[in-house]
Amino acid sequence: MNLILLQPDDAWISADQVRLVGRRADHIRQQLKAVLGQTVRVGLMGGPQGTAEITALDADAVVLSVALDQPPAPRHRFDVVLALPRPKMLRRIFRTAAEFGVGQLHLINSARVEKSFWQTPLLKPAKVAEALQAGMERARDTIAPQVHLHQRFRPFVEDELSALCAGRPCWITDQGAPLALASAPAGHAVVMVGPEGGFVPFEIELACAVVAQRVHLGERTLSVDTAFTATLALGA
């Protein structure tokens, strides 16, 4: 935890003092081995960052005097449309999205996505928020990626993709594409990343007929979580 992430509904004693108990207080005591008067890095969920001085510390709670005087970290230049991965990858995907500062993450259906994947409890809002927070704390960020679920591929592409791109380039990953994402023009864009085995030809053709252009991530076949991370690394 490289950032103590404060919540608006925490136990605020005043506008600039907050009392923490539980996991975050334990981290300050046990991992940071903090003492009275020590300064720690903090941020307000959805808002600015800064530092806080420890003004009270005991076995039950930690009281911080907070100064939030720094803006949130900038957003990644890519918004990502990702075919829903296997549930065992989801927590890692959410954490990675938060670590890279992705603004918008759209999870979509695809021909190679098993219907059962949509039933995983890891898509429940509380579980998503928990995974995102872990990435934010690690990367020192206060703005959570916005996660959207789309269970029908064709309506999403035909009815929503153009508006989502909003004039930005839209790249769809396809191993046989003539252009590498690494060579694509710089700037903000939307990138579509497929499931294990990639998007099927119909899906690529439909997306390209609407707005997308094909790109590849290299010659190697990548797992979904590796392709997701590689995409974000190329846009960093």
C-alpha atoms as a PDB file:
ATOM      1  CA  MET A   1       0.000   0.000   0.000  1.00  0.00           C
ATOM      2  CA  ASN A   2       1.847   3.078  -1.281  1.00  0.00           C
ATOM      3  CA  LEU A   3      -1.093   5.408  -0.648  1.00  0.00           C
ATOM      4  CA  ILE A   4      -3.535   5.523   2.258  1.00  0.00           C
ATOM      5  CA  LEU A   5      -6.805   5.904   0.385  1.00  0.00           C
ATOM      6  CA  LEU A   6      -9.337   7.916   2.362  1.00  0.00           C
ATOM      7  CA  GLN A   7     -13.071   7.678   1.799  1.00  0.00           C
ATOM      8  CA  PRO A   8     -15.620  10.518   2.031  1.00  0.00           C
ATOM      9  CA  ASP A   9     -17.604   8.421   4.532  1.00  0.00           C
ATOM     10  CA  ASP A  10     -14.641   7.755   6.830  1.00  0.00           C
ATOM     11  CA  ALA A  11     -14.800   9.005  10.421  1.00  0.00           C
ATOM     12  CA  TRP A  12     -13.860  12.628   9.741  1.00  0.00           C
ATOM     13  CA  ILE A  13     -13.343  14.517  12.995  1.00  0.00           C
ATOM     14  CA  SER A  14     -13.139  17.803  11.104  1.00  0.00           C
ATOM     15  CA  ALA A  15     -12.553  18.955   7.536  1.00  0.00           C
ATOM     16  CA  ASP A  16      -8.879  17.988   7.761  1.00  0.00           C
ATOM     17  CA  GLN A  17      -8.751  15.294  10.452  1.00  0.00           C
ATOM     18  CA  VAL A  18      -9.789  11.673  10.043  1.00  0.00           C
ATOM     19  CA  ARG A  19      -9.794   8.657  12.350  1.00  0.00           C
ATOM     20  CA  LEU A  20      -8.929   5.307  10.750  1.00  0.00           C
ATOM     21  CA  VAL A  21      -9.492   1.819  12.122  1.00  0.00           C
ATOM     22  CA  GLY A  22      -9.119  -1.625  10.576  1.00  0.00           C
ATOM     23  CA  ARG A  23      -6.949  -2.502   7.577  1.00  0.00           C
ATOM     24  CA  ARG A  24      -5.526   0.961   6.877  1.00  0.00           C
ATOM     25  CA  ALA A  25      -4.737   1.661  10.525  1.00  0.00           C
ATOM     26  CA  ASP A  26      -3.104  -1.765  10.800  1.00  0.00           C
ATOM     27  CA  HIS A  27      -0.986  -0.995   7.739  1.00  0.00           C
ATOM     28  CA  ILE A  28       0.198   2.302   9.206  1.00  0.00           C
ATOM     29  CA  ARG A  29       1.138   0.637  12.509  1.00  0.00           C
ATOM     30  CA  GLN A  30       2.509  -2.697  11.290  1.00  0.00           C
ATOM     31  CA  GLN A  31       3.862  -2.164   7.775  1.00  0.00           C
ATOM     32  CA  LEU A  32       4.919   1.482   7.928  1.00  0.00           C
ATOM     33  CA  LYS A  33       5.846   1.162  11.616  1.00  0.00           C
ATOM     34  CA  ALA A  34       4.744   4.752  11.939  1.00  0.00           C
ATOM     35  CA  VAL A  35       5.112   6.918  15.022  1.00  0.00           C
ATOM     36  CA  LEU A  36       3.457  10.105  16.224  1.00  0.00           C
ATOM     37  CA  GLY A  37       4.383  13.049  14.038  1.00  0.00           C
ATOM     38  CA  GLN A  38       5.321  10.919  11.047  1.00  0.00           C
ATOM     39  CA  THR A  39       3.996  11.913   7.640  1.00  0.00           C
ATOM     40  CA  VAL A  40       2.312   9.418   5.307  1.00  0.00           C
ATOM     41  CA  ARG A  41       1.060   9.754   1.750  1.00  0.00           C
ATOM     42  CA  VAL A  42      -2.735   9.940   1.443  1.00  0.00           C
ATOM     43  CA  GLY A  43      -5.416  10.567  -1.151  1.00  0.00           C
ATOM     44  CA  LEU A  44      -9.160  11.083  -1.156  1.00  0.00           C
ATOM     45  CA  MET A  45     -11.150   8.629  -3.251  1.00  0.00           C
ATOM     46  CA  GLY A  46     -12.228  10.487  -6.369  1.00  0.00           C
ATOM     47  CA  GLY A  47     -10.274  13.594  -5.408  1.00  0.00           C
ATOM     48  CA  PRO A  48      -6.863  15.112  -4.640  1.00  0.00           C
ATOM     49  CA  GLN A  49      -3.800  13.629  -3.012  1.00  0.00           C
ATOM     50  CA  GLY A  50      -1.380  14.917  -0.415  1.00  0.00           C
ATOM     51  CA  THR A  51       0.173  14.028   2.915  1.00  0.00           C
ATOM     52  CA  ALA A  52      -1.032  13.485   6.447  1.00  0.00           C
ATOM     53  CA  GLU A  53       0.625  13.790   9.831  1.00  0.00           C
ATOM     54  CA  ILE A  54      -0.114  11.147  12.444  1.00  0.00           C
ATOM     55  CA  THR A  55      -1.529  13.033  15.409  1.00  0.00           C
ATOM     56  CA  ALA A  56      -2.811  10.088  17.469  1.00  0.00           C
ATOM     57  CA  LEU A  57      -1.864   6.433  17.418  1.00  0.00           C
ATOM     58  CA  ASP A  58      -2.936   3.492  19.590  1.00  0.00           C
ATOM     59  CA  ALA A  59      -3.936  -0.150  19.266  1.00  0.00           C
ATOM     60  CA  ASP A  60      -7.440   0.753  18.089  1.00  0.00           C
ATOM     61  CA  ALA A  61      -7.081   3.683  15.692  1.00  0.00           C
ATOM     62  CA  VAL A  62      -4.882   6.172  13.904  1.00  0.00           C
ATOM     63  CA  VAL A  63      -5.783   9.864  13.626  1.00  0.00           C
ATOM     64  CA  LEU A  64      -4.406  11.806  10.654  1.00  0.00           C
ATOM     65  CA  SER A  65      -4.170  15.536  10.038  1.00  0.00           C
ATOM     66  CA  VAL A  66      -4.655  15.717   6.305  1.00  0.00           C
ATOM     67  CA  ALA A  67      -3.413  18.192   3.674  1.00  0.00           C
ATOM     68  CA  LEU A  68      -4.780  17.369   0.212  1.00  0.00           C
ATOM     69  CA  ASP A  69      -2.895  19.784  -2.030  1.00  0.00           C
ATOM     70  CA  GLN A  70      -1.976  17.697  -5.094  1.00  0.00           C
ATOM     71  CA  PRO A  71      -4.132  16.818  -8.110  1.00  0.00           C
ATOM     72  CA  PRO A  72      -5.096  13.234  -8.939  1.00  0.00           C
ATOM     73  CA  ALA A  73      -2.735  11.272 -11.168  1.00  0.00           C
ATOM     74  CA  PRO A  74      -3.383  11.697 -14.927  1.00  0.00           C
ATOM     75  CA  ARG A  75      -5.470   9.119 -16.792  1.00  0.00           C
ATOM     76  CA  HIS A  76      -4.011   6.611 -19.245  1.00  0.00           C
ATOM     77  CA  ARG A  77      -4.398   7.643 -22.875  1.00  0.00           C
ATOM     78  CA  PHE A  78      -6.207   4.414 -23.759  1.00  0.00           C
ATOM     79  CA  ASP A  79      -9.726   3.465 -22.803  1.00  0.00           C
ATOM     80  CA  VAL A  80     -10.058  -0.295 -23.178  1.00  0.00           C
ATOM     81  CA  VAL A  81     -12.784  -2.580 -24.475  1.00  0.00           C
ATOM     82  CA  LEU A  82     -11.927  -6.072 -23.258  1.00  0.00           C
ATOM     83  CA  ALA A  83     -13.675  -9.352 -23.991  1.00  0.00           C
ATOM     84  CA  LEU A  84     -14.658 -10.738 -20.594  1.00  0.00           C
ATOM     85  CA  PRO A  85     -11.790 -12.964 -19.411  1.00  0.00           C
ATOM     86  CA  ARG A  86     -11.942 -16.097 -17.300  1.00  0.00           C
ATOM     87  CA  PRO A  87     -12.999 -15.297 -13.740  1.00  0.00           C
ATOM     88  CA  LYS A  88      -9.619 -16.326 -12.331  1.00  0.00           C
ATOM     89  CA  MET A  89      -8.069 -13.412 -14.270  1.00  0.00           C
ATOM     90  CA  LEU A  90     -10.589 -10.752 -13.285  1.00  0.00           C
ATOM     91  CA  ARG A  91      -9.067  -9.477 -10.055  1.00  0.00           C
ATOM     92  CA  ARG A  92      -5.688  -9.134 -11.779  1.00  0.00           C
ATOM     93  CA  ILE A  93      -7.302  -7.337 -14.733  1.00  0.00           C
ATOM     94  CA  PHE A  94      -9.052  -4.827 -12.474  1.00  0.00           C
ATOM     95  CA  ARG A  95      -5.936  -4.236 -10.413  1.00  0.00           C
ATOM     96  CA  THR A  96      -3.843  -3.687 -13.554  1.00  0.00           C
ATOM     97  CA  ALA A  97      -6.401  -1.247 -14.972  1.00  0.00           C
ATOM     98  CA  ALA A  98      -6.207   0.770 -11.759  1.00  0.00           C
ATOM     99  CA  GLU A  99      -2.414   0.660 -11.629  1.00  0.00           C
ATOM    100  CA  PHE A 100      -2.164   2.070 -15.154  1.00  0.00           C
ATOM    101  CA  GLY A 101      -4.813   4.722 -14.519  1.00  0.00           C
ATOM    102  CA  VAL A 102      -7.326   3.548 -17.120  1.00  0.00           C
ATOM    103  CA  GLY A 103     -10.295   5.888 -17.296  1.00  0.00           C
ATOM    104  CA  GLN A 104     -12.893   3.574 -18.822  1.00  0.00           C
ATOM    105  CA  LEU A 105     -12.866  -0.230 -18.979  1.00  0.00           C
ATOM    106  CA  HIS A 106     -15.655  -1.883 -20.956  1.00  0.00           C
ATOM    107  CA  LEU A 107     -16.063  -5.638 -20.516  1.00  0.00           C
ATOM    108  CA  ILE A 108     -17.914  -7.130 -23.468  1.00  0.00           C
ATOM    109  CA  ASN A 109     -19.228 -10.431 -24.686  1.00  0.00           C
ATOM    110  CA  SER A 110     -17.637 -12.276 -27.592  1.00  0.00           C
ATOM    111  CA  ALA A 111     -18.166 -15.549 -29.426  1.00  0.00           C
ATOM    112  CA  ARG A 112     -15.287 -17.095 -27.467  1.00  0.00           C
ATOM    113  CA  VAL A 113     -16.496 -15.872 -24.069  1.00  0.00           C
ATOM    114  CA  GLU A 114     -18.289 -18.596 -22.131  1.00  0.00           C
ATOM    115  CA  LYS A 115     -21.728 -17.562 -20.880  1.00  0.00           C
ATOM    116  CA  SER A 116     -20.892 -18.819 -17.397  1.00  0.00           C
ATOM    117  CA  PHE A 117     -18.191 -16.138 -17.035  1.00  0.00           C
ATOM    118  CA  TRP A 118     -20.920 -13.499 -16.606  1.00  0.00           C
ATOM    119  CA  GLN A 119     -22.212 -15.250 -13.495  1.00  0.00           C
ATOM    120  CA  THR A 120     -19.018 -14.894 -11.476  1.00  0.00           C
ATOM    121  CA  PRO A 121     -19.398 -13.059  -8.150  1.00  0.00           C
ATOM    122  CA  LEU A 122     -16.167 -11.228  -9.018  1.00  0.00           C
ATOM    123  CA  LEU A 123     -18.291  -8.919 -11.209  1.00  0.00           C
ATOM    124  CA  LYS A 124     -20.339  -7.785  -8.217  1.00  0.00           C
ATOM    125  CA  PRO A 125     -19.748  -4.060  -7.563  1.00  0.00           C
ATOM    126  CA  ALA A 126     -18.182  -4.649  -4.141  1.00  0.00           C
ATOM    127  CA  LYS A 127     -15.673  -7.159  -5.534  1.00  0.00           C
ATOM    128  CA  VAL A 128     -14.810  -4.892  -8.463  1.00  0.00           C
ATOM    129  CA  ALA A 129     -14.289  -1.936  -6.126  1.00  0.00           C
ATOM    130  CA  GLU A 130     -12.066  -4.023  -3.840  1.00  0.00           C
ATOM    131  CA  ALA A 131      -9.793  -5.078  -6.705  1.00  0.00           C
ATOM    132  CA  LEU A 132      -9.623  -1.562  -8.128  1.00  0.00           C
ATOM    133  CA  GLN A 133      -8.734  -0.141  -4.736  1.00  0.00           C
ATOM    134  CA  ALA A 134      -5.817  -2.550  -4.402  1.00  0.00           C
ATOM    135  CA  GLY A 135      -4.402  -1.263  -7.694  1.00  0.00           C
ATOM    136  CA  MET A 136      -5.009   2.370  -6.761  1.00  0.00           C
ATOM    137  CA  GLU A 137      -3.230   1.980  -3.427  1.00  0.00           C
ATOM    138  CA  ARG A 138      -0.260   0.388  -5.116  1.00  0.00           C
ATOM    139  CA  ALA A 139      -0.001   2.988  -7.894  1.00  0.00           C
ATOM    140  CA  ARG A 140      -0.780   6.047  -5.730  1.00  0.00           C
ATOM    141  CA  ASP A 141      -3.987   6.958  -7.492  1.00  0.00           C
ATOM    142  CA  THR A 142      -7.326   8.278  -6.277  1.00  0.00           C
ATOM    143  CA  ILE A 143      -9.479   7.932  -9.417  1.00  0.00           C
ATOM    144  CA  ALA A 144     -10.965   4.486 -10.009  1.00  0.00           C
ATOM    145  CA  PRO A 145     -11.468   3.191 -13.540  1.00  0.00           C
ATOM    146  CA  GLN A 146     -15.115   3.185 -14.552  1.00  0.00           C
ATOM    147  CA  VAL A 147     -16.081  -0.423 -15.305  1.00  0.00           C
ATOM    148  CA  HIS A 148     -18.965  -1.107 -17.707  1.00  0.00           C
ATOM    149  CA  LEU A 149     -20.510  -4.503 -18.539  1.00  0.00           C
ATOM    150  CA  HIS A 150     -21.957  -5.297 -21.981  1.00  0.00           C
ATOM    151  CA  GLN A 151     -23.369  -8.790 -22.413  1.00  0.00           C
ATOM    152  CA  ARG A 152     -24.266  -8.485 -26.110  1.00  0.00           C
ATOM    153  CA  PHE A 153     -21.492  -7.892 -28.627  1.00  0.00           C
ATOM    154  CA  ARG A 154     -23.385  -6.698 -31.676  1.00  0.00           C
ATOM    155  CA  PRO A 155     -25.571  -4.066 -29.963  1.00  0.00           C
ATOM    156  CA  PHE A 156     -22.510  -2.726 -28.178  1.00  0.00           C
ATOM    157  CA  VAL A 157     -20.520  -2.343 -31.392  1.00  0.00           C
ATOM    158  CA  GLU A 158     -23.381  -1.040 -33.531  1.00  0.00           C
ATOM    159  CA  ASP A 159     -25.020   1.251 -30.970  1.00  0.00           C
ATOM    160  CA  GLU A 160     -22.299   2.366 -28.555  1.00  0.00           C
ATOM    161  CA  LEU A 161     -18.796   2.008 -29.981  1.00  0.00           C
ATOM    162  CA  SER A 162     -18.790   5.106 -32.190  1.00  0.00           C
ATOM    163  CA  ALA A 163     -20.008   7.342 -29.370  1.00  0.00           C
ATOM    164  CA  LEU A 164     -17.509   5.795 -26.978  1.00  0.00           C
ATOM    165  CA  CYS A 165     -14.650   6.577 -29.356  1.00  0.00           C
ATOM    166  CA  ALA A 166     -15.910  10.161 -29.752  1.00  0.00           C
ATOM    167  CA  GLY A 167     -13.617  10.982 -32.646  1.00  0.00           C
ATOM    168  CA  ARG A 168     -10.630   9.138 -31.203  1.00  0.00           C
ATOM    169  CA  PRO A 169      -8.993   6.265 -33.099  1.00  0.00           C
ATOM    170  CA  CYS A 170     -10.411   2.850 -32.264  1.00  0.00           C
ATOM    171  CA  TRP A 171      -7.971  -0.039 -32.538  1.00  0.00           C
ATOM    172  CA  ILE A 172      -9.013  -3.698 -32.476  1.00  0.00           C
ATOM    173  CA  THR A 173      -6.339  -6.296 -31.811  1.00  0.00           C
ATOM    174  CA  ASP A 174      -5.924  -8.965 -34.470  1.00  0.00           C
ATOM    175  CA  GLN A 175      -2.763 -11.024 -34.764  1.00  0.00           C
ATOM    176  CA  GLY A 176      -2.864 -10.850 -38.564  1.00  0.00           C
ATOM    177  CA  ALA A 177      -3.195  -7.068 -38.745  1.00  0.00           C
ATOM    178  CA  PRO A 178      -0.706  -5.126 -40.919  1.00  0.00           C
ATOM    179  CA  LEU A 179      -0.116  -2.397 -38.291  1.00  0.00           C
ATOM    180  CA  ALA A 180       1.461  -2.861 -34.879  1.00  0.00           C
ATOM    181  CA  LEU A 181      -0.156  -1.036 -31.981  1.00  0.00           C
ATOM    182  CA  ALA A 182       3.366   0.085 -31.087  1.00  0.00           C
ATOM    183  CA  SER A 183       3.519   1.916 -34.442  1.00  0.00           C
ATOM    184  CA  ALA A 184       0.038   3.433 -34.274  1.00  0.00           C
ATOM    185  CA  PRO A 185      -0.191   7.229 -34.065  1.00  0.00           C
ATOM    186  CA  ALA A 186       0.242   8.687 -30.606  1.00  0.00           C
ATOM    187  CA  GLY A 187      -2.674  10.185 -28.758  1.00  0.00           C
ATOM    188  CA  HIS A 188      -5.805   9.155 -26.932  1.00  0.00           C
ATOM    189  CA  ALA A 189      -7.586   6.120 -28.344  1.00  0.00           C
ATOM    190  CA  VAL A 190      -9.885   3.206 -27.598  1.00  0.00           C
ATOM    191  CA  VAL A 191      -8.345  -0.265 -27.857  1.00  0.00           C
ATOM    192  CA  MET A 192     -10.373  -3.454 -28.184  1.00  0.00           C
ATOM    193  CA  VAL A 193      -8.676  -6.589 -26.823  1.00  0.00           C
ATOM    194  CA  GLY A 194     -10.134  -9.994 -27.570  1.00  0.00           C
ATOM    195  CA  PRO A 195     -10.634 -13.180 -25.543  1.00  0.00           C
ATOM    196  CA  GLU A 196      -8.464 -16.301 -25.525  1.00  0.00           C
ATOM    197  CA  GLY A 197      -8.077 -17.119 -29.224  1.00  0.00           C
ATOM    198  CA  GLY A 198      -8.917 -13.568 -30.275  1.00  0.00           C
ATOM    199  CA  PHE A 199     -12.008 -12.057 -31.812  1.00  0.00           C
ATOM    200  CA  VAL A 200     -13.661 -14.183 -34.510  1.00  0.00           C
ATOM    201  CA  PRO A 201     -13.634 -12.796 -38.099  1.00  0.00           C
ATOM    202  CA  PHE A 202     -17.262 -11.614 -37.930  1.00  0.00           C
ATOM    203  CA  GLU A 203     -16.521  -9.534 -34.821  1.00  0.00           C
ATOM    204  CA  ILE A 204     -13.476  -7.920 -36.394  1.00  0.00           C
ATOM    205  CA  GLU A 205     -15.368  -7.183 -39.602  1.00  0.00           C
ATOM    206  CA  LEU A 206     -18.299  -5.648 -37.724  1.00  0.00           C
ATOM    207  CA  ALA A 207     -16.102  -3.455 -35.529  1.00  0.00           C
ATOM    208  CA  CYS A 208     -14.093  -2.304 -38.552  1.00  0.00           C
ATOM    209  CA  ALA A 209     -17.270  -1.540 -40.505  1.00  0.00           C
ATOM    210  CA  VAL A 210     -18.378   0.750 -37.684  1.00  0.00           C
ATOM    211  CA  VAL A 211     -15.196   2.532 -36.603  1.00  0.00           C
ATOM    212  CA  ALA A 212     -12.280   0.254 -35.665  1.00  0.00           C
ATOM    213  CA  GLN A 213      -8.938  -0.364 -37.346  1.00  0.00           C
ATOM    214  CA  ARG A 214      -6.917  -3.563 -36.955  1.00  0.00           C
ATOM    215  CA  VAL A 215      -3.626  -3.645 -35.051  1.00  0.00           C
ATOM    216  CA  HIS A 216      -1.446  -6.415 -33.662  1.00  0.00           C
ATOM    217  CA  LEU A 217       0.533  -6.753 -30.443  1.00  0.00           C
ATOM    218  CA  GLY A 218       3.358  -8.769 -31.959  1.00  0.00           C
ATOM    219  CA  GLU A 219       3.965 -12.223 -33.372  1.00  0.00           C
ATOM    220  CA  ARG A 220       3.441 -14.174 -30.172  1.00  0.00           C
ATOM    221  CA  THR A 221       0.079 -15.475 -28.990  1.00  0.00           C
ATOM    222  CA  LEU A 222      -0.659 -13.907 -25.622  1.00  0.00           C
ATOM    223  CA  SER A 223      -3.023 -14.762 -22.809  1.00  0.00           C
ATOM    224  CA  VAL A 224      -5.751 -12.204 -22.134  1.00  0.00           C
ATOM    225  CA  ASP A 225      -4.130 -10.741 -19.041  1.00  0.00           C
ATOM    226  CA  THR A 226      -0.755 -10.461 -20.792  1.00  0.00           C
ATOM    227  CA  ALA A 227      -2.342  -8.851 -23.873  1.00  0.00           C
ATOM    228  CA  PHE A 228      -4.188  -6.398 -21.623  1.00  0.00           C
ATOM    229  CA  THR A 229      -1.014  -5.425 -19.794  1.00  0.00           C
ATOM    230  CA  ALA A 230       0.972  -5.182 -23.047  1.00  0.00           C
ATOM    231  CA  THR A 231      -1.663  -2.888 -24.532  1.00  0.00           C
ATOM    232  CA  LEU A 232      -1.506  -0.542 -21.574  1.00  0.00           C
ATOM    233  CA  ALA A 233       2.279  -0.605 -21.496  1.00  0.00           C
ATOM    234  CA  LEU A 234       2.408   0.389 -25.169  1.00  0.00           C
ATOM    235  CA  GLY A 235       0.157   3.350 -24.425  1.00  0.00           C
ATOM    236  CA  ALA A 236       1.927   4.508 -21.280  1.00  0.00           C
END
